[in-house]
Amino acid sequence: MAYIQENFAEVMPGLRLSWGGLHPDGRVPVLLVPGYADSWRFWLPMFPYLPDWLRVFALSPRGHGTSDAPATGYTVADNAQAALPASLTLSTSPRPSSLATPAADTWHGNLL
């Protein structure tokens, strides 16, 4: 397994989100988002089982892990609004791939 290092992406002015990556030469980008009150490190136990053709980005939502923690912006819509630019910033794909359909009223470890 490749070495995993914590990185940061500025997804909007004044908001940096931390992320960990795996397989930088992978062909298919995938964004992993943990459930409430967790960071990208939630996904570490799964990393050894992910195929090397996946370019993996595991994201920490605002206020979690070492991501910035602004005073506001913690609704599901706010987190989704930050995750989309993160996926576009981190990925070489023209659009993020959807591997799971998130429930409209939850933010629980969905794959985007």
Protein backbone atom coordinates (compact mmCIF):
# COMPACT_ATOMS: atom_id res chain seq x y z
CA MET A 1 0.00 0.00 0.00
CA ALA A 2 1.23 3.48 -0.86
CA TYR A 3 2.20 5.95 1.82
CA ILE A 4 -0.77 8.07 2.87
CA GLN A 5 -0.15 11.69 3.76
CA GLU A 6 -2.57 14.30 5.04
CA ASN A 7 -3.17 17.12 2.57
CA PHE A 8 -5.36 20.22 2.41
CA ALA A 9 -7.62 21.66 -0.28
CA GLU A 10 -9.04 25.18 -0.18
CA VAL A 11 -12.57 24.54 -1.41
CA MET A 12 -13.86 28.07 -0.97
CA PRO A 13 -12.32 31.28 0.39
CA GLY A 14 -11.42 30.73 4.03
CA LEU A 15 -12.29 27.01 4.10
CA ARG A 16 -9.55 24.39 3.89
CA LEU A 17 -10.55 20.75 4.18
CA SER A 18 -8.09 18.01 5.09
CA TRP A 19 -7.91 14.83 3.04
CA GLY A 20 -5.87 11.70 2.64
CA GLY A 21 -5.20 10.05 -0.70
CA LEU A 22 -4.30 6.67 -2.08
CA HIS A 23 -3.18 5.43 -5.51
CA PRO A 24 -2.34 8.80 -7.16
CA ASP A 25 -1.99 7.03 -10.52
CA GLY A 26 -5.43 5.42 -10.33
CA ARG A 27 -7.71 5.86 -13.34
CA VAL A 28 -11.06 6.23 -11.56
CA PRO A 29 -11.34 8.98 -8.92
CA VAL A 30 -13.53 8.34 -5.89
CA LEU A 31 -14.27 10.66 -2.98
CA LEU A 32 -14.88 9.11 0.46
CA VAL A 33 -16.70 11.21 3.06
CA PRO A 34 -17.02 9.95 6.64
CA GLY A 35 -20.14 10.11 8.76
CA TYR A 36 -20.90 12.82 11.27
CA ALA A 37 -18.17 13.58 13.83
CA ASP A 38 -15.40 11.72 12.01
CA SER A 39 -12.45 12.58 9.77
CA TRP A 40 -10.92 11.11 6.61
CA ARG A 41 -8.94 8.74 8.84
CA PHE A 42 -12.18 6.79 9.37
CA TRP A 43 -11.45 5.16 6.00
CA LEU A 44 -7.86 4.07 6.78
CA PRO A 45 -8.78 0.46 7.68
CA MET A 46 -10.43 0.10 4.25
CA PHE A 47 -7.50 1.47 2.24
CA PRO A 48 -5.59 -1.85 1.95
CA TYR A 49 -8.64 -3.41 0.26
CA LEU A 50 -9.14 -0.73 -2.40
CA PRO A 51 -7.87 -1.63 -5.89
CA ASP A 52 -5.00 0.40 -7.32
CA TRP A 53 -7.09 1.47 -10.32
CA LEU A 54 -9.05 3.74 -7.93
CA ARG A 55 -7.61 7.18 -7.25
CA VAL A 56 -8.89 7.63 -3.70
CA PHE A 57 -9.55 10.89 -1.91
CA ALA A 58 -10.85 10.66 1.67
CA LEU A 59 -12.18 14.02 2.88
CA SER A 60 -12.71 15.46 6.36
CA PRO A 61 -15.80 17.70 6.51
CA ARG A 62 -15.48 21.17 7.99
CA GLY A 63 -14.90 21.12 11.74
CA HIS A 64 -13.68 17.51 11.70
CA GLY A 65 -10.12 16.24 11.94
CA THR A 66 -7.76 19.04 10.95
CA SER A 67 -10.19 20.73 8.54
CA ASP A 68 -11.04 24.35 9.21
CA ALA A 69 -13.86 24.89 11.70
CA PRO A 70 -15.78 28.05 10.81
CA ALA A 71 -18.50 29.30 13.18
CA THR A 72 -21.30 28.40 10.74
CA GLY A 73 -21.95 26.12 7.79
CA TYR A 74 -22.66 22.71 9.30
CA THR A 75 -25.90 21.75 7.59
CA VAL A 76 -26.07 18.84 5.16
CA ALA A 77 -26.40 21.32 2.30
CA ASP A 78 -23.35 23.29 3.50
CA ASN A 79 -21.25 20.13 3.73
CA ALA A 80 -22.36 19.00 0.29
CA GLN A 81 -21.59 22.45 -1.10
CA ALA A 82 -18.03 22.14 0.24
CA ALA A 83 -17.59 18.51 -0.85
CA LEU A 84 -18.44 19.19 -4.50
CA PRO A 85 -15.65 21.72 -5.10
CA ALA A 86 -13.32 19.46 -3.13
CA SER A 87 -14.11 16.57 -5.45
CA LEU A 88 -13.53 18.74 -8.49
CA THR A 89 -10.35 20.20 -7.03
CA LEU A 90 -8.88 16.83 -6.07
CA SER A 91 -10.00 14.81 -9.08
CA THR A 92 -8.72 14.84 -12.63
CA SER A 93 -12.17 13.71 -13.73
CA PRO A 94 -14.43 16.33 -15.32
CA ARG A 95 -17.15 15.33 -12.83
CA PRO A 96 -17.29 13.26 -9.65
CA SER A 97 -18.52 9.69 -9.90
CA SER A 98 -21.53 8.64 -7.86
CA LEU A 99 -21.04 5.25 -6.25
CA ALA A 100 -23.85 5.56 -3.72
CA THR A 101 -27.00 7.61 -3.50
CA PRO A 102 -26.95 9.73 -0.34
CA ALA A 103 -30.18 10.03 1.60
CA ALA A 104 -31.56 13.54 1.30
CA ASP A 105 -31.60 14.22 5.04
CA THR A 106 -28.40 12.49 6.22
CA TRP A 107 -24.64 12.89 6.04
CA HIS A 108 -23.47 9.43 7.11
CA GLY A 109 -20.39 8.16 5.32
CA ASN A 110 -21.75 8.38 1.79
CA LEU A 111 -19.56 7.79 -1.20
CA LEU A 112 -19.80 10.60 -3.72
